[in-house]
PDB file of all heavy atoms in Angstrom:
ATOM      1  N   ARG A   1      -4.828   4.677   5.293  1.00  0.00           N
ATOM      2  CA  ARG A   1      -4.802   4.920   6.723  1.00  0.00           C
ATOM      3  C   ARG A   1      -5.566   6.193   7.045  1.00  0.00           C
ATOM      4  O   ARG A   1      -5.705   7.087   6.214  1.00  0.00           O
ATOM      5  CB  ARG A   1      -3.368   5.011   7.248  1.00  0.00           C
ATOM      6  CG  ARG A   1      -2.561   6.183   6.705  1.00  0.00           C
ATOM      7  CD  ARG A   1      -1.102   6.038   7.109  1.00  0.00           C
ATOM      8  NE  ARG A   1      -0.300   7.168   6.692  1.00  0.00           N
ATOM      9  CZ  ARG A   1       1.016   7.228   6.809  1.00  0.00           C
ATOM     10  NH1 ARG A   1       1.686   6.207   7.343  1.00  0.00           N
ATOM     11  NH2 ARG A   1       1.675   8.302   6.399  1.00  0.00           N
ATOM     12  N   GLN A   2      -6.062   6.255   8.277  1.00  0.00           N
ATOM     13  CA  GLN A   2      -6.812   7.417   8.719  1.00  0.00           C
ATOM     14  C   GLN A   2      -6.534   7.667  10.196  1.00  0.00           C
ATOM     15  O   GLN A   2      -6.747   6.785  11.029  1.00  0.00           O
ATOM     16  CB  GLN A   2      -8.309   7.233   8.490  1.00  0.00           C
ATOM     17  CG  GLN A   2      -9.133   8.475   8.764  1.00  0.00           C
ATOM     18  CD  GLN A   2     -10.554   8.346   8.256  1.00  0.00           C
ATOM     19  OE1 GLN A   2     -11.084   7.247   8.128  1.00  0.00           O
ATOM     20  NE2 GLN A   2     -11.174   9.475   7.961  1.00  0.00           N
ATOM     21  N   ALA A   3      -6.056   8.852  10.492  1.00  0.00           N
ATOM     22  CA  ALA A   3      -5.845   9.282  11.860  1.00  0.00           C
ATOM     23  C   ALA A   3      -7.043  10.109  12.319  1.00  0.00           C
ATOM     24  O   ALA A   3      -7.757  10.683  11.489  1.00  0.00           O
ATOM     25  CB  ALA A   3      -4.559  10.098  11.966  1.00  0.00           C
ATOM     26  N   PRO A   4      -7.287  10.200  13.629  1.00  0.00           N
ATOM     27  CA  PRO A   4      -8.416  10.998  14.122  1.00  0.00           C
ATOM     28  C   PRO A   4      -8.367  12.433  13.610  1.00  0.00           C
ATOM     29  O   PRO A   4      -7.328  13.085  13.671  1.00  0.00           O
ATOM     30  CB  PRO A   4      -8.243  10.945  15.641  1.00  0.00           C
ATOM     31  CG  PRO A   4      -7.511   9.669  15.888  1.00  0.00           C
ATOM     32  CD  PRO A   4      -6.569   9.530  14.717  1.00  0.00           C
ATOM     33  N   GLY A   5      -9.488  12.902  13.085  1.00  0.00           N
ATOM     34  CA  GLY A   5      -9.568  14.251  12.570  1.00  0.00           C
ATOM     35  C   GLY A   5      -8.906  14.462  11.226  1.00  0.00           C
ATOM     36  O   GLY A   5      -8.837  15.602  10.751  1.00  0.00           O
ATOM     37  N   ARG A   6      -8.418  13.405  10.608  1.00  0.00           N
ATOM     38  CA  ARG A   6      -7.742  13.503   9.324  1.00  0.00           C
ATOM     39  C   ARG A   6      -8.534  12.802   8.229  1.00  0.00           C
ATOM     40  O   ARG A   6      -9.353  11.923   8.494  1.00  0.00           O
ATOM     41  CB  ARG A   6      -6.345  12.865   9.400  1.00  0.00           C
ATOM     42  CG  ARG A   6      -5.394  13.499  10.388  1.00  0.00           C
ATOM     43  CD  ARG A   6      -4.938  14.870   9.932  1.00  0.00           C
ATOM     44  NE  ARG A   6      -3.745  15.294  10.648  1.00  0.00           N
ATOM     45  CZ  ARG A   6      -2.535  15.387  10.116  1.00  0.00           C
ATOM     46  NH1 ARG A   6      -2.349  15.120   8.840  1.00  0.00           N
ATOM     47  NH2 ARG A   6      -1.515  15.774  10.862  1.00  0.00           N
ATOM     48  N   GLU A   7      -8.274  13.190   7.003  1.00  0.00           N
ATOM     49  CA  GLU A   7      -8.847  12.503   5.856  1.00  0.00           C
ATOM     50  C   GLU A   7      -8.165  11.157   5.665  1.00  0.00           C
ATOM     51  O   GLU A   7      -7.006  10.968   6.047  1.00  0.00           O
ATOM     52  CB  GLU A   7      -8.682  13.342   4.593  1.00  0.00           C
ATOM     53  CG  GLU A   7      -9.444  14.655   4.594  1.00  0.00           C
ATOM     54  CD  GLU A   7     -10.930  14.438   4.469  1.00  0.00           C
ATOM     55  OE1 GLU A   7     -11.349  13.512   3.755  1.00  0.00           O
ATOM     56  OE2 GLU A   7     -11.681  15.197   5.091  1.00  0.00           O
ATOM     57  N   ARG A   8      -8.882  10.223   5.082  1.00  0.00           N
ATOM     58  CA  ARG A   8      -8.283   8.948   4.735  1.00  0.00           C
ATOM     59  C   ARG A   8      -7.180   9.176   3.704  1.00  0.00           C
ATOM     60  O   ARG A   8      -7.352   9.934   2.747  1.00  0.00           O
ATOM     61  CB  ARG A   8      -9.348   7.998   4.179  1.00  0.00           C
ATOM     62  CG  ARG A   8      -8.840   6.582   3.936  1.00  0.00           C
ATOM     63  CD  ARG A   8      -9.973   5.698   3.458  1.00  0.00           C
ATOM     64  NE  ARG A   8     -10.531   6.179   2.218  1.00  0.00           N
ATOM     65  CZ  ARG A   8     -11.706   5.803   1.733  1.00  0.00           C
ATOM     66  NH1 ARG A   8     -12.448   4.941   2.400  1.00  0.00           N
ATOM     67  NH2 ARG A   8     -12.127   6.294   0.581  1.00  0.00           N
ATOM     68  N   GLU A   9      -6.052   8.510   3.891  1.00  0.00           N
ATOM     69  CA  GLU A   9      -4.856   8.744   3.104  1.00  0.00           C
ATOM     70  C   GLU A   9      -4.398   7.465   2.417  1.00  0.00           C
ATOM     71  O   GLU A   9      -4.307   6.411   3.042  1.00  0.00           O
ATOM     72  CB  GLU A   9      -3.740   9.276   4.019  1.00  0.00           C
ATOM     73  CG  GLU A   9      -2.401   9.486   3.347  1.00  0.00           C
ATOM     74  CD  GLU A   9      -1.313   9.831   4.342  1.00  0.00           C
ATOM     75  OE1 GLU A   9      -1.452   9.471   5.537  1.00  0.00           O
ATOM     76  OE2 GLU A   9      -0.325  10.473   3.937  1.00  0.00           O
ATOM     77  N   PHE A  10      -4.096   7.572   1.141  1.00  0.00           N
ATOM     78  CA  PHE A  10      -3.535   6.449   0.404  1.00  0.00           C
ATOM     79  C   PHE A  10      -2.142   6.124   0.913  1.00  0.00           C
ATOM     80  O   PHE A  10      -1.338   7.023   1.182  1.00  0.00           O
ATOM     81  CB  PHE A  10      -3.475   6.777  -1.091  1.00  0.00           C
ATOM     82  CG  PHE A  10      -2.721   5.761  -1.893  1.00  0.00           C
ATOM     83  CD1 PHE A  10      -3.300   4.554  -2.241  1.00  0.00           C
ATOM     84  CD2 PHE A  10      -1.416   6.005  -2.290  1.00  0.00           C
ATOM     85  CE1 PHE A  10      -2.609   3.611  -2.971  1.00  0.00           C
ATOM     86  CE2 PHE A  10      -0.709   5.074  -3.022  1.00  0.00           C
ATOM     87  CZ  PHE A  10      -1.314   3.868  -3.363  1.00  0.00           C
ATOM     88  N   VAL A  11      -1.841   4.829   1.017  1.00  0.00           N
ATOM     89  CA  VAL A  11      -0.538   4.382   1.482  1.00  0.00           C
ATOM     90  C   VAL A  11       0.204   3.603   0.401  1.00  0.00           C
ATOM     91  O   VAL A  11       1.332   3.945   0.042  1.00  0.00           O
ATOM     92  CB  VAL A  11      -0.662   3.520   2.752  1.00  0.00           C
ATOM     93  CG1 VAL A  11       0.704   2.970   3.165  1.00  0.00           C
ATOM     94  CG2 VAL A  11      -1.280   4.328   3.882  1.00  0.00           C
ATOM     95  N   ALA A  12      -0.417   2.549  -0.114  1.00  0.00           N
ATOM     96  CA  ALA A  12       0.257   1.677  -1.073  1.00  0.00           C
ATOM     97  C   ALA A  12      -0.763   0.868  -1.849  1.00  0.00           C
ATOM     98  O   ALA A  12      -1.876   0.634  -1.383  1.00  0.00           O
ATOM     99  CB  ALA A  12       1.231   0.734  -0.355  1.00  0.00           C
ATOM    100  N   ALA A  13      -0.369   0.422  -3.036  1.00  0.00           N
ATOM    101  CA  ALA A  13      -1.226  -0.420  -3.861  1.00  0.00           C
ATOM    102  C   ALA A  13      -0.383  -1.446  -4.598  1.00  0.00           C
ATOM    103  O   ALA A  13       0.806  -1.233  -4.843  1.00  0.00           O
ATOM    104  CB  ALA A  13      -2.024   0.421  -4.857  1.00  0.00           C
ATOM    105  N   ILE A  14      -1.017  -2.544  -4.972  1.00  0.00           N
ATOM    106  CA  ILE A  14      -0.353  -3.613  -5.696  1.00  0.00           C
ATOM    107  C   ILE A  14      -1.311  -4.174  -6.728  1.00  0.00           C
ATOM    108  O   ILE A  14      -2.504  -4.323  -6.476  1.00  0.00           O
ATOM    109  CB  ILE A  14       0.146  -4.707  -4.715  1.00  0.00           C
ATOM    110  CG1 ILE A  14       1.008  -5.746  -5.433  1.00  0.00           C
ATOM    111  CG2 ILE A  14      -1.028  -5.361  -3.991  1.00  0.00           C
ATOM    112  CD1 ILE A  14       1.770  -6.652  -4.472  1.00  0.00           C
ATOM    113  N   THR A  15      -0.790  -4.480  -7.911  1.00  0.00           N
ATOM    114  CA  THR A  15      -1.614  -5.030  -8.969  1.00  0.00           C
ATOM    115  C   THR A  15      -2.025  -6.457  -8.636  1.00  0.00           C
ATOM    116  O   THR A  15      -1.482  -7.096  -7.731  1.00  0.00           O
ATOM    117  CB  THR A  15      -0.871  -4.997 -10.304  1.00  0.00           C
ATOM    118  OG1 THR A  15       0.410  -5.623 -10.163  1.00  0.00           O
ATOM    119  CG2 THR A  15      -0.663  -3.560 -10.772  1.00  0.00           C
ATOM    120  N   ARG A  16      -2.983  -6.969  -9.383  1.00  0.00           N
ATOM    121  CA  ARG A  16      -3.573  -8.259  -9.027  1.00  0.00           C
ATOM    122  C   ARG A  16      -2.587  -9.414  -9.076  1.00  0.00           C
ATOM    123  O   ARG A  16      -2.729 -10.381  -8.322  1.00  0.00           O
ATOM    124  CB  ARG A  16      -4.783  -8.556  -9.921  1.00  0.00           C
ATOM    125  CG  ARG A  16      -4.468  -8.646 -11.404  1.00  0.00           C
ATOM    126  CD  ARG A  16      -5.759  -8.821 -12.181  1.00  0.00           C
ATOM    127  NE  ARG A  16      -5.530  -8.945 -13.615  1.00  0.00           N
ATOM    128  CZ  ARG A  16      -6.479  -9.121 -14.511  1.00  0.00           C
ATOM    129  NH1 ARG A  16      -7.754  -9.183 -14.109  1.00  0.00           N
ATOM    130  NH2 ARG A  16      -6.188  -9.221 -15.793  1.00  0.00           N
ATOM    131  N   GLY A  17      -1.588  -9.324  -9.921  1.00  0.00           N
ATOM    132  CA  GLY A  17      -0.564 -10.351  -9.974  1.00  0.00           C
ATOM    133  C   GLY A  17       0.637 -10.073  -9.093  1.00  0.00           C
ATOM    134  O   GLY A  17       1.526 -10.923  -8.980  1.00  0.00           O
ATOM    135  N   GLY A  18       0.686  -8.898  -8.499  1.00  0.00           N
ATOM    136  CA  GLY A  18       1.791  -8.530  -7.630  1.00  0.00           C
ATOM    137  C   GLY A  18       3.014  -8.007  -8.351  1.00  0.00           C
ATOM    138  O   GLY A  18       4.047  -7.769  -7.717  1.00  0.00           O
ATOM    139  N   GLY A  19       2.910  -7.786  -9.659  1.00  0.00           N
ATOM    140  CA  GLY A  19       4.061  -7.382 -10.431  1.00  0.00           C
ATOM    141  C   GLY A  19       4.429  -5.916 -10.320  1.00  0.00           C
ATOM    142  O   GLY A  19       5.573  -5.549 -10.593  1.00  0.00           O
ATOM    143  N   SER A  20       3.474  -5.079  -9.938  1.00  0.00           N
ATOM    144  CA  SER A  20       3.721  -3.647  -9.832  1.00  0.00           C
ATOM    145  C   SER A  20       3.170  -3.125  -8.521  1.00  0.00           C
ATOM    146  O   SER A  20       2.120  -3.571  -8.055  1.00  0.00           O
ATOM    147  CB  SER A  20       3.077  -2.894 -10.993  1.00  0.00           C
ATOM    148  OG  SER A  20       3.655  -3.266 -12.231  1.00  0.00           O
ATOM    149  N   THR A  21       3.875  -2.167  -7.942  1.00  0.00           N
ATOM    150  CA  THR A  21       3.446  -1.538  -6.694  1.00  0.00           C
ATOM    151  C   THR A  21       3.575  -0.036  -6.801  1.00  0.00           C
ATOM    152  O   THR A  21       4.323   0.489  -7.636  1.00  0.00           O
ATOM    153  CB  THR A  21       4.271  -2.041  -5.506  1.00  0.00           C
ATOM    154  OG1 THR A  21       5.661  -1.757  -5.729  1.00  0.00           O
ATOM    155  CG2 THR A  21       4.095  -3.539  -5.319  1.00  0.00           C
ATOM    156  N   TYR A  22       2.855   0.662  -5.946  1.00  0.00           N
ATOM    157  CA  TYR A  22       2.903   2.115  -5.912  1.00  0.00           C
ATOM    158  C   TYR A  22       2.743   2.566  -4.480  1.00  0.00           C
ATOM    159  O   TYR A  22       1.912   2.040  -3.741  1.00  0.00           O
ATOM    160  CB  TYR A  22       1.799   2.712  -6.788  1.00  0.00           C
ATOM    161  CG  TYR A  22       1.860   4.210  -6.890  1.00  0.00           C
ATOM    162  CD1 TYR A  22       2.832   4.826  -7.663  1.00  0.00           C
ATOM    163  CD2 TYR A  22       0.950   5.009  -6.203  1.00  0.00           C
ATOM    164  CE1 TYR A  22       2.897   6.201  -7.753  1.00  0.00           C
ATOM    165  CE2 TYR A  22       1.011   6.386  -6.289  1.00  0.00           C
ATOM    166  CZ  TYR A  22       1.987   6.979  -7.067  1.00  0.00           C
ATOM    167  OH  TYR A  22       2.049   8.338  -7.157  1.00  0.00           O
ATOM    168  N   PHE A  23       3.534   3.569  -4.067  1.00  0.00           N
ATOM    169  CA  PHE A  23       3.548   4.036  -2.691  1.00  0.00           C
ATOM    170  C   PHE A  23       3.366   5.540  -2.619  1.00  0.00           C
ATOM    171  O   PHE A  23       3.831   6.277  -3.486  1.00  0.00           O
ATOM    172  CB  PHE A  23       4.871   3.674  -2.014  1.00  0.00           C
ATOM    173  CG  PHE A  23       5.134   2.200  -1.941  1.00  0.00           C
ATOM    174  CD1 PHE A  23       5.839   1.562  -2.950  1.00  0.00           C
ATOM    175  CD2 PHE A  23       4.679   1.454  -0.876  1.00  0.00           C
ATOM    176  CE1 PHE A  23       6.087   0.205  -2.895  1.00  0.00           C
ATOM    177  CE2 PHE A  23       4.921   0.092  -0.804  1.00  0.00           C
ATOM    178  CZ  PHE A  23       5.623  -0.533  -1.817  1.00  0.00           C
ATOM    179  N   ALA A  24       2.708   5.962  -1.557  1.00  0.00           N
ATOM    180  CA  ALA A  24       2.656   7.382  -1.261  1.00  0.00           C
ATOM    181  C   ALA A  24       4.057   7.885  -0.933  1.00  0.00           C
ATOM    182  O   ALA A  24       4.888   7.154  -0.390  1.00  0.00           O
ATOM    183  CB  ALA A  24       1.720   7.647  -0.086  1.00  0.00           C
ATOM    184  N   ASP A  25       4.320   9.148  -1.261  1.00  0.00           N
ATOM    185  CA  ASP A  25       5.637   9.712  -0.994  1.00  0.00           C
ATOM    186  C   ASP A  25       6.012   9.631   0.484  1.00  0.00           C
ATOM    187  O   ASP A  25       7.184   9.461   0.824  1.00  0.00           O
ATOM    188  CB  ASP A  25       5.689  11.168  -1.453  1.00  0.00           C
ATOM    189  CG  ASP A  25       5.718  11.308  -2.960  1.00  0.00           C
ATOM    190  OD1 ASP A  25       6.035  10.327  -3.658  1.00  0.00           O
ATOM    191  OD2 ASP A  25       5.426  12.417  -3.447  1.00  0.00           O
ATOM    192  N   SER A  26       5.025   9.720   1.353  1.00  0.00           N
ATOM    193  CA  SER A  26       5.284   9.735   2.779  1.00  0.00           C
ATOM    194  C   SER A  26       5.829   8.419   3.315  1.00  0.00           C
ATOM    195  O   SER A  26       6.435   8.395   4.387  1.00  0.00           O
ATOM    196  CB  SER A  26       4.009  10.109   3.546  1.00  0.00           C
ATOM    197  OG  SER A  26       2.971   9.187   3.266  1.00  0.00           O
ATOM    198  N   VAL A  27       5.624   7.324   2.580  1.00  0.00           N
ATOM    199  CA  VAL A  27       6.076   6.019   3.046  1.00  0.00           C
ATOM    200  C   VAL A  27       7.082   5.381   2.110  1.00  0.00           C
ATOM    201  O   VAL A  27       7.617   4.302   2.424  1.00  0.00           O
ATOM    202  CB  VAL A  27       4.893   5.055   3.265  1.00  0.00           C
ATOM    203  CG1 VAL A  27       3.861   5.676   4.194  1.00  0.00           C
ATOM    204  CG2 VAL A  27       4.251   4.661   1.939  1.00  0.00           C
ATOM    205  N   LYS A  28       7.359   6.004   0.991  1.00  0.00           N
ATOM    206  CA  LYS A  28       8.267   5.437  -0.003  1.00  0.00           C
ATOM    207  C   LYS A  28       9.637   5.184   0.614  1.00  0.00           C
ATOM    208  O   LYS A  28      10.204   6.045   1.281  1.00  0.00           O
ATOM    209  CB  LYS A  28       8.365   6.383  -1.199  1.00  0.00           C
ATOM    210  CG  LYS A  28       8.873   5.737  -2.470  1.00  0.00           C
ATOM    211  CD  LYS A  28       8.691   6.691  -3.661  1.00  0.00           C
ATOM    212  CE  LYS A  28       7.217   7.003  -3.906  1.00  0.00           C
ATOM    213  NZ  LYS A  28       7.026   7.913  -5.067  1.00  0.00           N
ATOM    214  N   GLY A  29      10.154   3.992   0.382  1.00  0.00           N
ATOM    215  CA  GLY A  29      11.440   3.614   0.931  1.00  0.00           C
ATOM    216  C   GLY A  29      11.370   2.999   2.305  1.00  0.00           C
ATOM    217  O   GLY A  29      12.365   2.441   2.779  1.00  0.00           O
ATOM    218  N   ARG A  30      10.220   3.096   2.964  1.00  0.00           N
ATOM    219  CA  ARG A  30      10.047   2.532   4.299  1.00  0.00           C
ATOM    220  C   ARG A  30       9.048   1.375   4.330  1.00  0.00           C
ATOM    221  O   ARG A  30       9.211   0.441   5.112  1.00  0.00           O
ATOM    222  CB  ARG A  30       9.586   3.605   5.286  1.00  0.00           C
ATOM    223  CG  ARG A  30      10.559   4.763   5.431  1.00  0.00           C
ATOM    224  CD  ARG A  30      10.134   5.709   6.553  1.00  0.00           C
ATOM    225  NE  ARG A  30       8.836   6.322   6.296  1.00  0.00           N
ATOM    226  CZ  ARG A  30       7.763   6.172   7.072  1.00  0.00           C
ATOM    227  NH1 ARG A  30       7.830   5.425   8.170  1.00  0.00           N
ATOM    228  NH2 ARG A  30       6.625   6.782   6.770  1.00  0.00           N
ATOM    229  N   PHE A  31       8.016   1.452   3.497  1.00  0.00           N
ATOM    230  CA  PHE A  31       6.962   0.441   3.482  1.00  0.00           C
ATOM    231  C   PHE A  31       7.074  -0.422   2.236  1.00  0.00           C
ATOM    232  O   PHE A  31       7.506   0.040   1.178  1.00  0.00           O
ATOM    233  CB  PHE A  31       5.577   1.092   3.485  1.00  0.00           C
ATOM    234  CG  PHE A  31       5.179   1.749   4.775  1.00  0.00           C
ATOM    235  CD1 PHE A  31       6.092   1.989   5.791  1.00  0.00           C
ATOM    236  CD2 PHE A  31       3.858   2.134   4.967  1.00  0.00           C
ATOM    237  CE1 PHE A  31       5.717   2.603   6.975  1.00  0.00           C
ATOM    238  CE2 PHE A  31       3.466   2.748   6.147  1.00  0.00           C
ATOM    239  CZ  PHE A  31       4.398   2.983   7.147  1.00  0.00           C
ATOM    240  N   THR A  32       6.642  -1.670   2.354  1.00  0.00           N
ATOM    241  CA  THR A  32       6.587  -2.588   1.236  1.00  0.00           C
ATOM    242  C   THR A  32       5.234  -3.289   1.224  1.00  0.00           C
ATOM    243  O   THR A  32       4.776  -3.761   2.261  1.00  0.00           O
ATOM    244  CB  THR A  32       7.704  -3.645   1.318  1.00  0.00           C
ATOM    245  OG1 THR A  32       8.978  -2.997   1.315  1.00  0.00           O
ATOM    246  CG2 THR A  32       7.626  -4.602   0.136  1.00  0.00           C
ATOM    247  N   ILE A  33       4.603  -3.353   0.063  1.00  0.00           N
ATOM    248  CA  ILE A  33       3.356  -4.084  -0.080  1.00  0.00           C
ATOM    249  C   ILE A  33       3.638  -5.348  -0.891  1.00  0.00           C
ATOM    250  O   ILE A  33       4.424  -5.330  -1.839  1.00  0.00           O
ATOM    251  CB  ILE A  33       2.259  -3.226  -0.745  1.00  0.00           C
ATOM    252  CG1 ILE A  33       0.910  -3.947  -0.718  1.00  0.00           C
ATOM    253  CG2 ILE A  33       2.644  -2.814  -2.153  1.00  0.00           C
ATOM    254  CD1 ILE A  33      -0.258  -3.066  -1.157  1.00  0.00           C
ATOM    255  N   SER A  34       3.011  -6.444  -0.504  1.00  0.00           N
ATOM    256  CA  SER A  34       3.176  -7.700  -1.212  1.00  0.00           C
ATOM    257  C   SER A  34       1.894  -8.506  -1.089  1.00  0.00           C
ATOM    258  O   SER A  34       1.010  -8.178  -0.287  1.00  0.00           O
ATOM    259  CB  SER A  34       4.369  -8.493  -0.668  1.00  0.00           C
ATOM    260  OG  SER A  34       4.183  -8.825   0.692  1.00  0.00           O
ATOM    261  N   ARG A  35       1.791  -9.552  -1.876  1.00  0.00           N
ATOM    262  CA  ARG A  35       0.604 -10.391  -1.784  1.00  0.00           C
ATOM    263  C   ARG A  35       0.968 -11.840  -2.033  1.00  0.00           C
ATOM    264  O   ARG A  35       1.934 -12.152  -2.735  1.00  0.00           O
ATOM    265  CB  ARG A  35      -0.481  -9.932  -2.765  1.00  0.00           C
ATOM    266  CG  ARG A  35      -0.142 -10.101  -4.239  1.00  0.00           C
ATOM    267  CD  ARG A  35      -1.175  -9.388  -5.119  1.00  0.00           C
ATOM    268  NE  ARG A  35      -2.501  -9.961  -4.966  1.00  0.00           N
ATOM    269  CZ  ARG A  35      -3.631  -9.353  -5.319  1.00  0.00           C
ATOM    270  NH1 ARG A  35      -3.592  -8.123  -5.831  1.00  0.00           N
ATOM    271  NH2 ARG A  35      -4.793  -9.958  -5.148  1.00  0.00           N
ATOM    272  N   ASP A  36       0.190 -12.719  -1.442  1.00  0.00           N
ATOM    273  CA  ASP A  36       0.322 -14.146  -1.629  1.00  0.00           C
ATOM    274  C   ASP A  36      -1.053 -14.645  -2.034  1.00  0.00           C
ATOM    275  O   ASP A  36      -1.917 -14.879  -1.190  1.00  0.00           O
ATOM    276  CB  ASP A  36       0.807 -14.823  -0.352  1.00  0.00           C
ATOM    277  CG  ASP A  36       1.101 -16.295  -0.544  1.00  0.00           C
ATOM    278  OD1 ASP A  36       0.592 -16.903  -1.500  1.00  0.00           O
ATOM    279  OD2 ASP A  36       1.852 -16.852   0.286  1.00  0.00           O
ATOM    280  N   ASN A  37      -1.262 -14.776  -3.325  1.00  0.00           N
ATOM    281  CA  ASN A  37      -2.585 -15.139  -3.812  1.00  0.00           C
ATOM    282  C   ASN A  37      -2.995 -16.550  -3.394  1.00  0.00           C
ATOM    283  O   ASN A  37      -4.182 -16.833  -3.247  1.00  0.00           O
ATOM    284  CB  ASN A  37      -2.643 -14.997  -5.334  1.00  0.00           C
ATOM    285  CG  ASN A  37      -2.671 -13.546  -5.771  1.00  0.00           C
ATOM    286  OD1 ASN A  37      -2.895 -12.645  -4.967  1.00  0.00           O
ATOM    287  ND2 ASN A  37      -2.440 -13.306  -7.059  1.00  0.00           N
ATOM    288  N   ALA A  38      -2.020 -17.427  -3.192  1.00  0.00           N
ATOM    289  CA  ALA A  38      -2.331 -18.770  -2.729  1.00  0.00           C
ATOM    290  C   ALA A  38      -2.920 -18.754  -1.321  1.00  0.00           C
ATOM    291  O   ALA A  38      -3.685 -19.647  -0.958  1.00  0.00           O
ATOM    292  CB  ALA A  38      -1.086 -19.651  -2.768  1.00  0.00           C
ATOM    293  N   LYS A  39      -2.547 -17.745  -0.522  1.00  0.00           N
ATOM    294  CA  LYS A  39      -3.067 -17.596   0.831  1.00  0.00           C
ATOM    295  C   LYS A  39      -4.166 -16.547   0.931  1.00  0.00           C
ATOM    296  O   LYS A  39      -4.646 -16.265   2.028  1.00  0.00           O
ATOM    297  CB  LYS A  39      -1.942 -17.235   1.796  1.00  0.00           C
ATOM    298  CG  LYS A  39      -0.886 -18.312   1.936  1.00  0.00           C
ATOM    299  CD  LYS A  39       0.183 -17.899   2.928  1.00  0.00           C
ATOM    300  CE  LYS A  39       1.212 -18.993   3.112  1.00  0.00           C
ATOM    301  NZ  LYS A  39       2.273 -18.596   4.074  1.00  0.00           N
ATOM    302  N   ASN A  40      -4.553 -15.962  -0.191  1.00  0.00           N
ATOM    303  CA  ASN A  40      -5.583 -14.915  -0.212  1.00  0.00           C
ATOM    304  C   ASN A  40      -5.257 -13.791   0.764  1.00  0.00           C
ATOM    305  O   ASN A  40      -6.124 -13.306   1.493  1.00  0.00           O
ATOM    306  CB  ASN A  40      -6.962 -15.496   0.110  1.00  0.00           C
ATOM    307  CG  ASN A  40      -7.489 -16.385  -0.989  1.00  0.00           C
ATOM    308  OD1 ASN A  40      -7.003 -16.384  -2.113  1.00  0.00           O
ATOM    309  ND2 ASN A  40      -8.530 -17.155  -0.660  1.00  0.00           N
TER     310      ASN A  40
END
C-alpha cells in the first residue's frame, strides 16, 4: 500500500500454494491474505 507522500509499504504475502503467509506488524491480527488458484 502507498499513501500520498509516503513510501510504498509491505502489507502481506502468501506462498504460491497458499500454505504460508506473512504480515506486516501494522496489520497483523487484522488482515488476512488468501488465494484461490482455480480462480486465479
